[in-house]
Amino acid sequence: MSDKVFLDTNILVYSYSVSEKDKQLTARKLITKTDSHISTQVLTELSNTLTRKFKLPFDGALKAIDECCANNQVFINNPETIKEAIKVADKYRFSFYDSLIISAAIESGCKILYSEDMHHGQVIEKKLTIMN
């Protein structure tokens, strides 16, 4: 597993899940056994999910963000990422926020995007394959 891979927020959420052990194991394996990349958007969405849905205290969310930054390469979204996301949303009919994840994955040079709620097997711009 030497290709660069990009992880959608739900993969990181599962890595912290205590109720879905199989998904937790799969998510943690992706993080530790691949050249995994995430974006600042993924970090903000994870923070929101951990504190609102999982009711994790803010200091726990800070610890999780530190772990994610240590275990994944972090891509910082920029104006070009946003413009490309708009083009992806228009061309492929993904939501803007899913398109922002896709654009960050492409700009990071990733070949695979692991997600749970996008079109499995779809190839974007002949560069990125979505895997559920």
N, C-alpha and C. Protein backbone atom coordinates (compact mmCIF):
# COMPACT_ATOMS: atom_id res chain seq x y z
N MET A 1 0.83 -1.19 0.00
CA MET A 1 0.00 0.00 0.00
C MET A 1 0.87 1.25 0.00
N SER A 2 1.57 1.50 -1.08
CA SER A 2 2.49 2.63 -1.09
C SER A 2 1.90 3.87 -1.75
N ASP A 3 0.76 3.74 -2.43
CA ASP A 3 0.14 4.90 -3.04
C ASP A 3 -0.34 5.87 -1.97
N LYS A 4 -0.31 7.14 -2.33
CA LYS A 4 -0.89 8.15 -1.45
C LYS A 4 -2.39 7.97 -1.45
N VAL A 5 -3.00 7.98 -0.27
CA VAL A 5 -4.44 7.88 -0.16
C VAL A 5 -4.97 9.06 0.65
N PHE A 6 -6.19 9.45 0.35
CA PHE A 6 -6.83 10.55 1.06
C PHE A 6 -7.99 9.97 1.85
N LEU A 7 -8.16 10.44 3.07
CA LEU A 7 -9.21 9.93 3.95
C LEU A 7 -10.28 10.99 4.16
N ASP A 8 -11.51 10.61 3.88
CA ASP A 8 -12.66 11.47 4.15
C ASP A 8 -12.91 11.48 5.66
N THR A 9 -13.65 12.44 6.11
CA THR A 9 -13.91 12.62 7.54
C THR A 9 -14.47 11.36 8.20
N ASN A 10 -15.39 10.67 7.52
CA ASN A 10 -16.02 9.52 8.16
C ASN A 10 -15.01 8.42 8.49
N ILE A 11 -13.93 8.33 7.75
CA ILE A 11 -12.90 7.34 8.08
C ILE A 11 -12.25 7.68 9.42
N LEU A 12 -11.94 8.95 9.62
CA LEU A 12 -11.35 9.35 10.91
C LEU A 12 -12.36 9.22 12.04
N VAL A 13 -13.61 9.52 11.78
CA VAL A 13 -14.64 9.35 12.81
C VAL A 13 -14.69 7.90 13.25
N TYR A 14 -14.67 6.97 12.30
CA TYR A 14 -14.68 5.55 12.66
C TYR A 14 -13.45 5.15 13.46
N SER A 15 -12.33 5.81 13.23
CA SER A 15 -11.13 5.46 13.98
C SER A 15 -11.29 5.76 15.47
N TYR A 16 -12.24 6.63 15.80
CA TYR A 16 -12.52 6.96 17.20
C TYR A 16 -13.81 6.32 17.72
N SER A 17 -14.49 5.58 16.88
CA SER A 17 -15.76 4.96 17.26
C SER A 17 -15.52 3.81 18.23
N VAL A 18 -16.34 3.73 19.27
CA VAL A 18 -16.26 2.60 20.18
C VAL A 18 -17.40 1.62 19.93
N SER A 19 -18.39 2.03 19.16
CA SER A 19 -19.55 1.17 18.93
C SER A 19 -19.45 0.33 17.66
N GLU A 20 -18.52 0.67 16.77
CA GLU A 20 -18.39 -0.07 15.52
C GLU A 20 -16.94 -0.53 15.37
N LYS A 21 -16.61 -1.60 16.07
CA LYS A 21 -15.22 -2.07 16.18
C LYS A 21 -14.63 -2.48 14.83
N ASP A 22 -15.42 -3.12 13.95
CA ASP A 22 -14.90 -3.53 12.64
C ASP A 22 -14.48 -2.31 11.82
N LYS A 23 -15.33 -1.30 11.81
CA LYS A 23 -15.01 -0.08 11.07
C LYS A 23 -13.85 0.66 11.72
N GLN A 24 -13.79 0.63 13.04
CA GLN A 24 -12.68 1.25 13.75
C GLN A 24 -11.36 0.59 13.34
N LEU A 25 -11.34 -0.73 13.31
CA LEU A 25 -10.14 -1.47 12.94
C LEU A 25 -9.72 -1.16 11.50
N THR A 26 -10.68 -1.14 10.59
CA THR A 26 -10.39 -0.83 9.19
C THR A 26 -9.83 0.58 9.05
N ALA A 27 -10.45 1.54 9.74
CA ALA A 27 -10.00 2.93 9.66
C ALA A 27 -8.58 3.07 10.21
N ARG A 28 -8.33 2.46 11.33
CA ARG A 28 -6.99 2.55 11.93
C ARG A 28 -5.93 1.89 11.06
N LYS A 29 -6.32 0.81 10.39
CA LYS A 29 -5.39 0.14 9.48
C LYS A 29 -5.05 1.06 8.30
N LEU A 30 -6.06 1.75 7.75
CA LEU A 30 -5.80 2.68 6.65
C LEU A 30 -4.83 3.78 7.08
N ILE A 31 -5.01 4.27 8.29
CA ILE A 31 -4.17 5.36 8.79
C ILE A 31 -2.74 4.89 9.01
N THR A 32 -2.57 3.70 9.56
CA THR A 32 -1.22 3.25 9.92
C THR A 32 -0.48 2.54 8.79
N LYS A 33 -1.21 1.96 7.83
CA LYS A 33 -0.56 1.14 6.81
C LYS A 33 -0.46 1.81 5.44
N THR A 34 -0.90 3.06 5.33
CA THR A 34 -0.84 3.76 4.05
C THR A 34 -0.16 5.11 4.22
N ASP A 35 0.14 5.73 3.11
CA ASP A 35 0.62 7.11 3.10
C ASP A 35 -0.64 7.98 3.07
N SER A 36 -1.23 8.17 4.24
CA SER A 36 -2.55 8.80 4.33
C SER A 36 -2.47 10.31 4.44
N HIS A 37 -3.43 10.95 3.76
CA HIS A 37 -3.53 12.41 3.72
C HIS A 37 -4.95 12.82 4.12
N ILE A 38 -5.04 13.96 4.77
CA ILE A 38 -6.32 14.57 5.13
C ILE A 38 -6.20 16.06 4.85
N SER A 39 -7.30 16.77 4.98
CA SER A 39 -7.26 18.23 4.77
C SER A 39 -7.72 18.95 6.03
N THR A 40 -7.53 20.25 6.01
CA THR A 40 -8.01 21.07 7.12
C THR A 40 -9.53 20.94 7.25
N GLN A 41 -10.22 20.75 6.14
CA GLN A 41 -11.68 20.54 6.20
C GLN A 41 -12.00 19.28 6.99
N VAL A 42 -11.26 18.20 6.76
CA VAL A 42 -11.48 16.95 7.48
C VAL A 42 -11.27 17.18 8.98
N LEU A 43 -10.25 17.93 9.34
CA LEU A 43 -10.00 18.21 10.75
C LEU A 43 -11.13 19.01 11.39
N THR A 44 -11.67 19.99 10.68
CA THR A 44 -12.77 20.78 11.26
C THR A 44 -14.04 19.94 11.38
N GLU A 45 -14.31 19.12 10.37
CA GLU A 45 -15.51 18.26 10.43
C GLU A 45 -15.36 17.23 11.55
N LEU A 46 -14.16 16.67 11.71
CA LEU A 46 -13.93 15.71 12.79
C LEU A 46 -14.13 16.36 14.14
N SER A 47 -13.58 17.55 14.33
CA SER A 47 -13.74 18.27 15.59
C SER A 47 -15.22 18.47 15.92
N ASN A 48 -15.97 18.88 14.93
CA ASN A 48 -17.40 19.11 15.13
C ASN A 48 -18.11 17.81 15.51
N THR A 49 -17.81 16.73 14.82
CA THR A 49 -18.47 15.44 15.10
C THR A 49 -18.11 14.93 16.49
N LEU A 50 -16.84 15.02 16.84
CA LEU A 50 -16.42 14.50 18.14
C LEU A 50 -17.05 15.27 19.30
N THR A 51 -17.14 16.58 19.17
CA THR A 51 -17.69 17.37 20.27
C THR A 51 -19.21 17.40 20.29
N ARG A 52 -19.85 17.36 19.14
CA ARG A 52 -21.31 17.46 19.11
C ARG A 52 -21.98 16.09 19.16
N LYS A 53 -21.57 15.18 18.31
CA LYS A 53 -22.24 13.87 18.24
C LYS A 53 -21.74 12.93 19.34
N PHE A 54 -20.42 12.87 19.52
CA PHE A 54 -19.85 11.96 20.52
C PHE A 54 -19.75 12.59 21.90
N LYS A 55 -20.06 13.90 21.99
CA LYS A 55 -20.02 14.63 23.27
C LYS A 55 -18.65 14.56 23.95
N LEU A 56 -17.61 14.51 23.13
CA LEU A 56 -16.25 14.49 23.65
C LEU A 56 -15.91 15.89 24.16
N PRO A 57 -15.28 16.00 25.33
CA PRO A 57 -14.88 17.33 25.80
C PRO A 57 -13.87 17.94 24.83
N PHE A 58 -13.78 19.25 24.84
CA PHE A 58 -12.89 19.94 23.91
C PHE A 58 -11.43 19.52 24.04
N ASP A 59 -10.99 19.23 25.26
CA ASP A 59 -9.60 18.78 25.40
C ASP A 59 -9.40 17.42 24.74
N GLY A 60 -10.43 16.59 24.73
CA GLY A 60 -10.36 15.31 24.03
C GLY A 60 -10.31 15.51 22.52
N ALA A 61 -11.07 16.49 22.03
CA ALA A 61 -11.04 16.81 20.60
C ALA A 61 -9.67 17.35 20.19
N LEU A 62 -9.07 18.17 21.05
CA LEU A 62 -7.71 18.68 20.78
C LEU A 62 -6.71 17.53 20.68
N LYS A 63 -6.84 16.56 21.57
CA LYS A 63 -5.95 15.40 21.53
C LYS A 63 -6.14 14.63 20.23
N ALA A 64 -7.39 14.45 19.82
CA ALA A 64 -7.68 13.73 18.58
C ALA A 64 -7.09 14.46 17.38
N ILE A 65 -7.21 15.78 17.35
CA ILE A 65 -6.65 16.56 16.24
C ILE A 65 -5.14 16.42 16.21
N ASP A 66 -4.51 16.47 17.38
CA ASP A 66 -3.06 16.28 17.45
C ASP A 66 -2.67 14.91 16.90
N GLU A 67 -3.42 13.87 17.27
CA GLU A 67 -3.14 12.52 16.77
C GLU A 67 -3.29 12.45 15.25
N CYS A 68 -4.35 13.04 14.74
CA CYS A 68 -4.59 13.02 13.30
C CYS A 68 -3.48 13.75 12.54
N CYS A 69 -3.02 14.86 13.08
CA CYS A 69 -1.94 15.61 12.44
C CYS A 69 -0.62 14.84 12.49
N ALA A 70 -0.42 14.06 13.54
CA ALA A 70 0.81 13.27 13.66
C ALA A 70 0.79 12.04 12.76
N ASN A 71 -0.41 11.51 12.49
CA ASN A 71 -0.52 10.24 11.77
C ASN A 71 -0.90 10.37 10.30
N ASN A 72 -1.16 11.59 9.83
CA ASN A 72 -1.56 11.83 8.45
C ASN A 72 -0.87 13.10 7.95
N GLN A 73 -0.64 13.16 6.65
CA GLN A 73 -0.18 14.41 6.05
C GLN A 73 -1.40 15.34 5.96
N VAL A 74 -1.23 16.59 6.31
CA VAL A 74 -2.36 17.53 6.31
C VAL A 74 -2.22 18.52 5.16
N PHE A 75 -3.24 18.56 4.32
CA PHE A 75 -3.30 19.50 3.21
C PHE A 75 -4.12 20.71 3.64
N ILE A 76 -3.60 21.90 3.40
CA ILE A 76 -4.32 23.13 3.76
C ILE A 76 -5.08 23.62 2.54
N ASN A 77 -6.39 23.65 2.67
CA ASN A 77 -7.22 24.15 1.56
C ASN A 77 -6.85 25.61 1.27
N ASN A 78 -6.83 25.93 -0.02
CA ASN A 78 -6.48 27.28 -0.45
C ASN A 78 -7.49 27.75 -1.50
N PRO A 79 -7.40 28.99 -1.95
CA PRO A 79 -8.38 29.48 -2.93
C PRO A 79 -8.46 28.61 -4.20
N GLU A 80 -7.33 28.08 -4.65
CA GLU A 80 -7.35 27.23 -5.84
C GLU A 80 -8.13 25.94 -5.58
N THR A 81 -8.00 25.40 -4.37
CA THR A 81 -8.75 24.20 -3.99
C THR A 81 -10.24 24.46 -4.08
N ILE A 82 -10.66 25.62 -3.62
CA ILE A 82 -12.08 26.00 -3.64
C ILE A 82 -12.57 26.14 -5.07
N LYS A 83 -11.77 26.78 -5.92
CA LYS A 83 -12.18 26.95 -7.33
C LYS A 83 -12.29 25.60 -8.04
N GLU A 84 -11.34 24.72 -7.77
CA GLU A 84 -11.40 23.38 -8.37
C GLU A 84 -12.61 22.60 -7.84
N ALA A 85 -12.91 22.79 -6.57
CA ALA A 85 -14.08 22.11 -5.98
C ALA A 85 -15.37 22.53 -6.68
N ILE A 86 -15.47 23.78 -7.02
CA ILE A 86 -16.65 24.27 -7.74
C ILE A 86 -16.75 23.58 -9.09
N LYS A 87 -15.63 23.44 -9.78
CA LYS A 87 -15.62 22.76 -11.08
C LYS A 87 -15.99 21.28 -10.94
N VAL A 88 -15.45 20.62 -9.91
CA VAL A 88 -15.77 19.21 -9.66
C VAL A 88 -17.25 19.05 -9.35
N ALA A 89 -17.79 19.93 -8.52
CA ALA A 89 -19.22 19.87 -8.16
C ALA A 89 -20.08 20.01 -9.40
N ASP A 90 -19.71 20.92 -10.27
CA ASP A 90 -20.48 21.15 -11.49
C ASP A 90 -20.39 19.96 -12.44
N LYS A 91 -19.20 19.45 -12.63
CA LYS A 91 -18.98 18.37 -13.60
C LYS A 91 -19.51 17.02 -13.12
N TYR A 92 -19.29 16.69 -11.85
CA TYR A 92 -19.61 15.36 -11.34
C TYR A 92 -20.86 15.30 -10.46
N ARG A 93 -21.41 16.45 -10.17
CA ARG A 93 -22.65 16.54 -9.38
C ARG A 93 -22.52 16.07 -7.94
N PHE A 94 -21.33 16.25 -7.36
CA PHE A 94 -21.16 16.03 -5.93
C PHE A 94 -21.54 17.31 -5.21
N SER A 95 -21.81 17.20 -3.91
CA SER A 95 -22.03 18.41 -3.12
C SER A 95 -20.73 19.22 -3.11
N PHE A 96 -20.84 20.49 -2.79
CA PHE A 96 -19.64 21.33 -2.74
C PHE A 96 -18.63 20.77 -1.74
N TYR A 97 -19.08 20.37 -0.56
CA TYR A 97 -18.15 19.92 0.47
C TYR A 97 -17.49 18.59 0.10
N ASP A 98 -18.21 17.68 -0.53
CA ASP A 98 -17.58 16.47 -1.05
C ASP A 98 -16.58 16.83 -2.14
N SER A 99 -16.92 17.78 -2.97
CA SER A 99 -16.03 18.23 -4.04
C SER A 99 -14.77 18.88 -3.49
N LEU A 100 -14.89 19.54 -2.36
CA LEU A 100 -13.72 20.14 -1.72
C LEU A 100 -12.77 19.04 -1.22
N ILE A 101 -13.32 17.96 -0.69
CA ILE A 101 -12.51 16.81 -0.29
C ILE A 101 -11.81 16.22 -1.53
N ILE A 102 -12.56 16.04 -2.60
CA ILE A 102 -12.01 15.49 -3.85
C ILE A 102 -10.89 16.38 -4.38
N SER A 103 -11.11 17.68 -4.40
CA SER A 103 -10.09 18.61 -4.90
C SER A 103 -8.83 18.58 -4.05
N ALA A 104 -8.99 18.51 -2.74
CA ALA A 104 -7.83 18.43 -1.85
C ALA A 104 -7.07 17.13 -2.08
N ALA A 105 -7.80 16.05 -2.31
CA ALA A 105 -7.15 14.76 -2.58
C ALA A 105 -6.34 14.82 -3.86
N ILE A 106 -6.91 15.41 -4.90
CA ILE A 106 -6.20 15.53 -6.18
C ILE A 106 -4.97 16.42 -6.02
N GLU A 107 -5.13 17.57 -5.35
CA GLU A 107 -4.00 18.48 -5.16
C GLU A 107 -2.90 17.85 -4.30
N SER A 108 -3.27 16.91 -3.45
CA SER A 108 -2.29 16.22 -2.61
C SER A 108 -1.56 15.12 -3.38
N GLY A 109 -2.02 14.85 -4.59
CA GLY A 109 -1.39 13.81 -5.39
C GLY A 109 -1.82 12.41 -5.03
N CYS A 110 -2.97 12.29 -4.38
CA CYS A 110 -3.48 10.98 -3.97
C CYS A 110 -4.14 10.27 -5.15
N LYS A 111 -4.03 8.95 -5.14
CA LYS A 111 -4.63 8.14 -6.19
C LYS A 111 -5.97 7.55 -5.75
N ILE A 112 -6.15 7.42 -4.42
CA ILE A 112 -7.36 6.82 -3.87
C ILE A 112 -7.94 7.74 -2.81
N LEU A 113 -9.26 7.88 -2.82
CA LEU A 113 -10.00 8.60 -1.78
C LEU A 113 -10.88 7.58 -1.08
N TYR A 114 -10.61 7.35 0.21
CA TYR A 114 -11.46 6.46 0.99
C TYR A 114 -12.55 7.28 1.63
N SER A 115 -13.78 6.84 1.39
CA SER A 115 -14.96 7.51 1.92
C SER A 115 -16.00 6.44 2.22
N GLU A 116 -17.16 6.87 2.64
CA GLU A 116 -18.24 5.91 2.85
C GLU A 116 -19.48 6.30 2.08
N ASP A 117 -19.54 7.53 1.67
CA ASP A 117 -20.80 8.01 1.10
C ASP A 117 -20.66 8.65 -0.28
N MET A 118 -19.64 8.22 -1.01
CA MET A 118 -19.50 8.70 -2.38
C MET A 118 -19.62 7.50 -3.32
N HIS A 119 -19.47 7.70 -4.60
CA HIS A 119 -19.68 6.65 -5.59
C HIS A 119 -18.48 5.72 -5.70
N HIS A 120 -18.60 4.52 -5.13
CA HIS A 120 -17.52 3.54 -5.12
C HIS A 120 -17.05 3.23 -6.54
N GLY A 121 -15.74 3.32 -6.73
CA GLY A 121 -15.14 2.98 -8.01
C GLY A 121 -15.10 4.12 -9.02
N GLN A 122 -15.76 5.22 -8.71
CA GLN A 122 -15.76 6.34 -9.65
C GLN A 122 -14.37 6.95 -9.75
N VAL A 123 -13.97 7.25 -10.97
CA VAL A 123 -12.67 7.88 -11.21
C VAL A 123 -12.92 9.35 -11.55
N ILE A 124 -12.20 10.22 -10.87
CA ILE A 124 -12.34 11.66 -11.04
C ILE A 124 -11.11 12.19 -11.79
N GLU A 125 -11.36 12.85 -12.91
CA GLU A 125 -10.32 13.51 -13.69
C GLU A 125 -9.16 12.56 -14.06
N LYS A 126 -9.46 11.29 -14.18
CA LYS A 126 -8.45 10.26 -14.52
C LYS A 126 -7.29 10.24 -13.55
N LYS A 127 -7.53 10.73 -12.33
CA LYS A 127 -6.46 10.85 -11.32
C LYS A 127 -6.78 10.18 -10.01
N LEU A 128 -8.06 10.16 -9.64
CA LEU A 128 -8.45 9.78 -8.28
C LEU A 128 -9.60 8.78 -8.34
N THR A 129 -9.45 7.66 -7.62
CA THR A 129 -10.51 6.65 -7.56
C THR A 129 -11.12 6.67 -6.17
N ILE A 130 -12.44 6.71 -6.13
CA ILE A 130 -13.17 6.71 -4.86
C ILE A 130 -13.41 5.27 -4.43
N MET A 131 -13.05 4.97 -3.19
CA MET A 131 -13.24 3.63 -2.63
C MET A 131 -14.07 3.73 -1.35
N ASN A 132 -15.10 2.93 -1.27
CA ASN A 132 -15.90 2.87 -0.05
C ASN A 132 -15.41 1.74 0.84
